Amino acid sequence: MRALRSAKWATDQSAALFAANQLQDKNQPMKLLFICTHNRCRSILSEAITNHLSQGRIEAYSAGSQPVGEVHPWSLRYLSARGIATENLASQSWDEFETLQPDAVITVCDSAANESCPLWMGNGVKVHWGLPDPSKLDGPELEIAEAFNAVMDTIEARIQTILDSGIDELKGDALHDALNKIAQEL
């Protein structure tokens, strides 16, 4: 009898530890780092939209492995058109975030997805949310606007899914799986 109680207690403790290791500290916002090679469009859009929608539940940042040093002017234009703050956006190197310890690193361009992330990114999960690059379009303004808006709509849908479903309270494998599922479905 004593052995059964001890085994049940150990099972309960293991389940509690597993659950605790899969949930964020509710007193701390989730930290997301969006990566795109040049950090001038898609990662910038992702950072700005996430911070705008999450109202502090998520802290979003963006960086690049080879930043160009300036945010694409169309990124600023289309964010502003939606009433999303652009004042603190900057094209910066991922080296500037060595102390961040993000909960998740999300690559948004295919070339960044194939790069090795620096070791300092630590235990944060790494996922890929591929997005087309609207800044590479060279065509009529309406076509460019439609492309930017389509990418921004996708980002908004993904972030809203995180917020609506409580994914921002997950970590580890549970967070990885949930973020991958969002990328596949939206």
Protein backbone atom coordinates (compact mmCIF):
# COMPACT_ATOMS: atom_id res chain seq x y z
CA MET A 1 0.00 0.00 0.00
CA ARG A 2 2.77 2.36 0.98
CA ALA A 3 4.62 1.57 -2.27
CA LEU A 4 1.46 2.35 -4.28
CA ARG A 5 1.03 5.70 -2.53
CA SER A 6 4.68 6.50 -3.09
CA ALA A 7 4.43 5.59 -6.78
CA LYS A 8 1.26 7.71 -7.16
CA TRP A 9 2.94 10.64 -5.40
CA ALA A 10 5.97 10.33 -7.70
CA THR A 11 3.69 10.22 -10.76
CA ASP A 12 1.75 13.26 -9.53
CA GLN A 13 5.01 15.12 -8.85
CA SER A 14 6.35 14.25 -12.31
CA ALA A 15 3.14 15.47 -13.93
CA ALA A 16 3.26 18.70 -11.93
CA LEU A 17 6.91 19.28 -12.86
CA PHE A 18 6.17 18.58 -16.53
CA ALA A 19 3.23 21.00 -16.46
CA ALA A 20 5.33 23.65 -14.70
CA ASN A 21 8.09 23.28 -17.29
CA GLN A 22 5.60 23.81 -20.12
CA LEU A 23 4.09 27.06 -18.78
CA GLN A 24 5.46 30.60 -18.72
CA ASP A 25 5.80 32.56 -15.51
CA LYS A 26 2.53 34.52 -15.59
CA ASN A 27 4.30 37.51 -14.05
CA GLN A 28 6.61 37.82 -17.05
CA PRO A 29 5.52 38.52 -20.61
CA MET A 30 6.55 36.11 -23.31
CA LYS A 31 9.58 37.34 -25.29
CA LEU A 32 9.63 36.78 -29.05
CA LEU A 33 12.58 37.58 -31.30
CA PHE A 34 11.70 37.79 -35.00
CA ILE A 35 14.64 37.16 -37.32
CA CYS A 36 15.03 38.07 -40.97
CA THR A 37 18.42 38.31 -42.65
CA HIS A 38 18.32 42.07 -43.34
CA ASN A 39 15.84 43.11 -40.59
CA ARG A 40 14.15 45.77 -42.69
CA CYS A 41 10.67 44.48 -43.56
CA ARG A 42 9.06 41.19 -42.41
CA SER A 43 10.76 40.95 -39.02
CA ILE A 44 10.10 44.66 -38.42
CA LEU A 45 6.42 44.22 -39.34
CA SER A 46 6.22 41.22 -36.99
CA GLU A 47 7.80 43.12 -34.08
CA ALA A 48 5.57 46.17 -34.47
CA ILE A 49 2.33 44.26 -34.99
CA THR A 50 3.02 41.91 -32.08
CA ASN A 51 3.75 44.75 -29.65
CA HIS A 52 0.69 46.64 -30.87
CA LEU A 53 -1.74 43.73 -30.53
CA SER A 54 -0.38 42.15 -27.36
CA GLN A 55 -0.55 45.25 -25.15
CA GLY A 56 2.30 44.01 -22.96
CA ARG A 57 1.43 40.30 -22.84
CA ILE A 58 4.24 39.69 -25.33
CA GLU A 59 7.46 41.65 -25.74
CA ALA A 60 8.54 41.45 -29.37
CA TYR A 61 11.91 42.32 -30.84
CA SER A 62 13.42 41.95 -34.29
CA ALA A 63 16.92 41.53 -35.61
CA GLY A 64 18.93 40.25 -38.53
CA SER A 65 22.11 38.31 -39.17
CA GLN A 66 23.10 40.94 -41.77
CA PRO A 67 21.01 44.03 -41.00
CA VAL A 68 20.99 46.79 -43.60
CA GLY A 69 20.82 49.52 -40.97
CA GLU A 70 17.50 51.07 -41.95
CA VAL A 71 13.87 50.03 -41.89
CA HIS A 72 12.26 49.83 -45.32
CA PRO A 73 10.19 53.01 -45.83
CA TRP A 74 7.18 51.01 -47.03
CA SER A 75 7.22 49.03 -43.78
CA LEU A 76 6.94 52.28 -41.87
CA ARG A 77 4.30 53.61 -44.24
CA TYR A 78 1.95 50.63 -44.04
CA LEU A 79 2.37 50.20 -40.28
CA SER A 80 1.52 53.89 -39.79
CA ALA A 81 -1.52 53.52 -42.03
CA ARG A 82 -2.85 50.94 -39.56
CA GLY A 83 -2.14 53.14 -36.56
CA ILE A 84 0.80 51.03 -35.38
CA ALA A 85 3.70 52.86 -33.71
CA THR A 86 6.96 52.99 -35.67
CA GLU A 87 9.09 55.36 -33.58
CA ASN A 88 11.38 52.78 -31.96
CA LEU A 89 11.80 50.44 -34.92
CA ALA A 90 15.37 49.92 -36.12
CA SER A 91 17.26 47.53 -38.34
CA GLN A 92 19.72 45.88 -35.97
CA SER A 93 21.97 42.89 -35.57
CA TRP A 94 20.96 39.90 -33.54
CA ASP A 95 24.25 40.46 -31.64
CA GLU A 96 22.52 43.37 -29.89
CA PHE A 97 20.20 40.89 -28.13
CA GLU A 98 22.77 38.67 -26.40
CA THR A 99 21.14 39.20 -23.00
CA LEU A 100 17.51 38.88 -24.15
CA GLN A 101 16.91 35.13 -23.62
CA PRO A 102 13.81 34.96 -25.85
CA ASP A 103 11.15 32.33 -25.23
CA ALA A 104 10.93 31.85 -28.98
CA VAL A 105 13.04 32.84 -31.97
CA ILE A 106 10.86 33.04 -35.07
CA THR A 107 12.49 33.28 -38.48
CA VAL A 108 10.29 34.95 -41.07
CA CYS A 109 12.43 34.62 -44.20
CA ASP A 110 13.69 31.41 -45.77
CA SER A 111 17.35 32.44 -45.83
CA ALA A 112 17.29 33.23 -42.08
CA ALA A 113 15.60 29.88 -41.41
CA ASN A 114 18.65 28.16 -42.89
CA GLU A 115 21.15 30.12 -40.78
CA SER A 116 22.55 28.86 -37.50
CA CYS A 117 21.27 30.92 -34.61
CA PRO A 118 23.90 32.18 -32.16
CA LEU A 119 24.42 30.01 -29.09
CA TRP A 120 23.32 32.82 -26.76
CA MET A 121 19.73 32.32 -27.93
CA GLY A 122 19.83 29.50 -25.43
CA ASN A 123 16.78 27.50 -24.53
CA GLY A 124 14.25 29.50 -26.52
CA VAL A 125 12.37 27.45 -29.07
CA LYS A 126 13.15 28.08 -32.71
CA VAL A 127 10.43 28.02 -35.37
CA HIS A 128 9.98 29.25 -38.93
CA TRP A 129 7.04 31.40 -40.01
CA GLY A 130 7.85 31.93 -43.68
CA LEU A 131 6.43 35.14 -45.13
CA PRO A 132 6.77 36.52 -48.67
CA ASP A 133 8.86 39.69 -48.95
CA PRO A 134 6.61 42.54 -50.12
CA SER A 135 9.54 44.98 -50.19
CA LYS A 136 11.02 43.17 -53.20
CA LEU A 137 8.07 43.97 -55.42
CA ASP A 138 8.60 46.40 -58.25
CA GLY A 139 5.24 47.25 -59.69
CA PRO A 140 2.20 49.47 -59.36
CA GLU A 141 1.62 51.03 -55.94
CA LEU A 142 -1.69 49.16 -55.55
CA GLU A 143 0.08 45.83 -56.04
CA ILE A 144 2.71 46.76 -53.45
CA ALA A 145 0.04 47.90 -50.98
CA GLU A 146 -1.86 44.62 -51.45
CA ALA A 147 1.32 42.61 -50.84
CA PHE A 148 2.18 44.52 -47.65
CA ASN A 149 -1.36 44.26 -46.38
CA ALA A 150 -1.49 40.52 -47.07
CA VAL A 151 1.70 39.92 -45.09
CA MET A 152 0.51 42.17 -42.26
CA ASP A 153 -2.86 40.36 -42.18
CA THR A 154 -1.03 37.03 -41.84
CA ILE A 155 1.11 38.34 -38.98
CA GLU A 156 -1.96 39.80 -37.24
CA ALA A 157 -3.84 36.50 -37.56
CA ARG A 158 -0.91 34.53 -36.14
CA ILE A 159 -0.37 36.87 -33.19
CA GLN A 160 -4.09 37.11 -32.47
CA THR A 161 -4.20 33.29 -32.37
CA ILE A 162 -1.42 33.30 -29.76
CA LEU A 163 -3.31 35.82 -27.66
CA ASP A 164 -6.77 34.25 -28.04
CA SER A 165 -5.64 30.71 -27.27
CA GLY A 166 -3.22 31.42 -24.41
CA ILE A 167 -0.18 30.17 -26.30
CA ASP A 168 1.75 33.06 -24.72
CA GLU A 169 1.53 31.10 -21.45
CA LEU A 170 3.39 28.06 -22.87
CA LYS A 171 7.08 27.27 -23.11
CA GLY A 172 9.34 24.46 -24.24
CA ASP A 173 7.99 21.73 -26.49
CA ALA A 174 4.40 22.85 -25.98
CA LEU A 175 5.27 26.35 -27.22
CA HIS A 176 7.29 24.98 -30.14
CA ASP A 177 4.44 22.74 -31.26
CA ALA A 178 1.82 25.49 -30.91
CA LEU A 179 3.88 28.03 -32.89
CA ASN A 180 4.58 25.49 -35.62
CA LYS A 181 0.88 24.68 -35.85
CA ILE A 182 0.07 28.37 -36.29
CA ALA A 183 2.57 28.61 -39.15
CA GLN A 184 1.02 25.62 -40.88
CA GLU A 185 -2.56 26.79 -40.49
CA LEU A 186 -2.28 30.57 -41.05
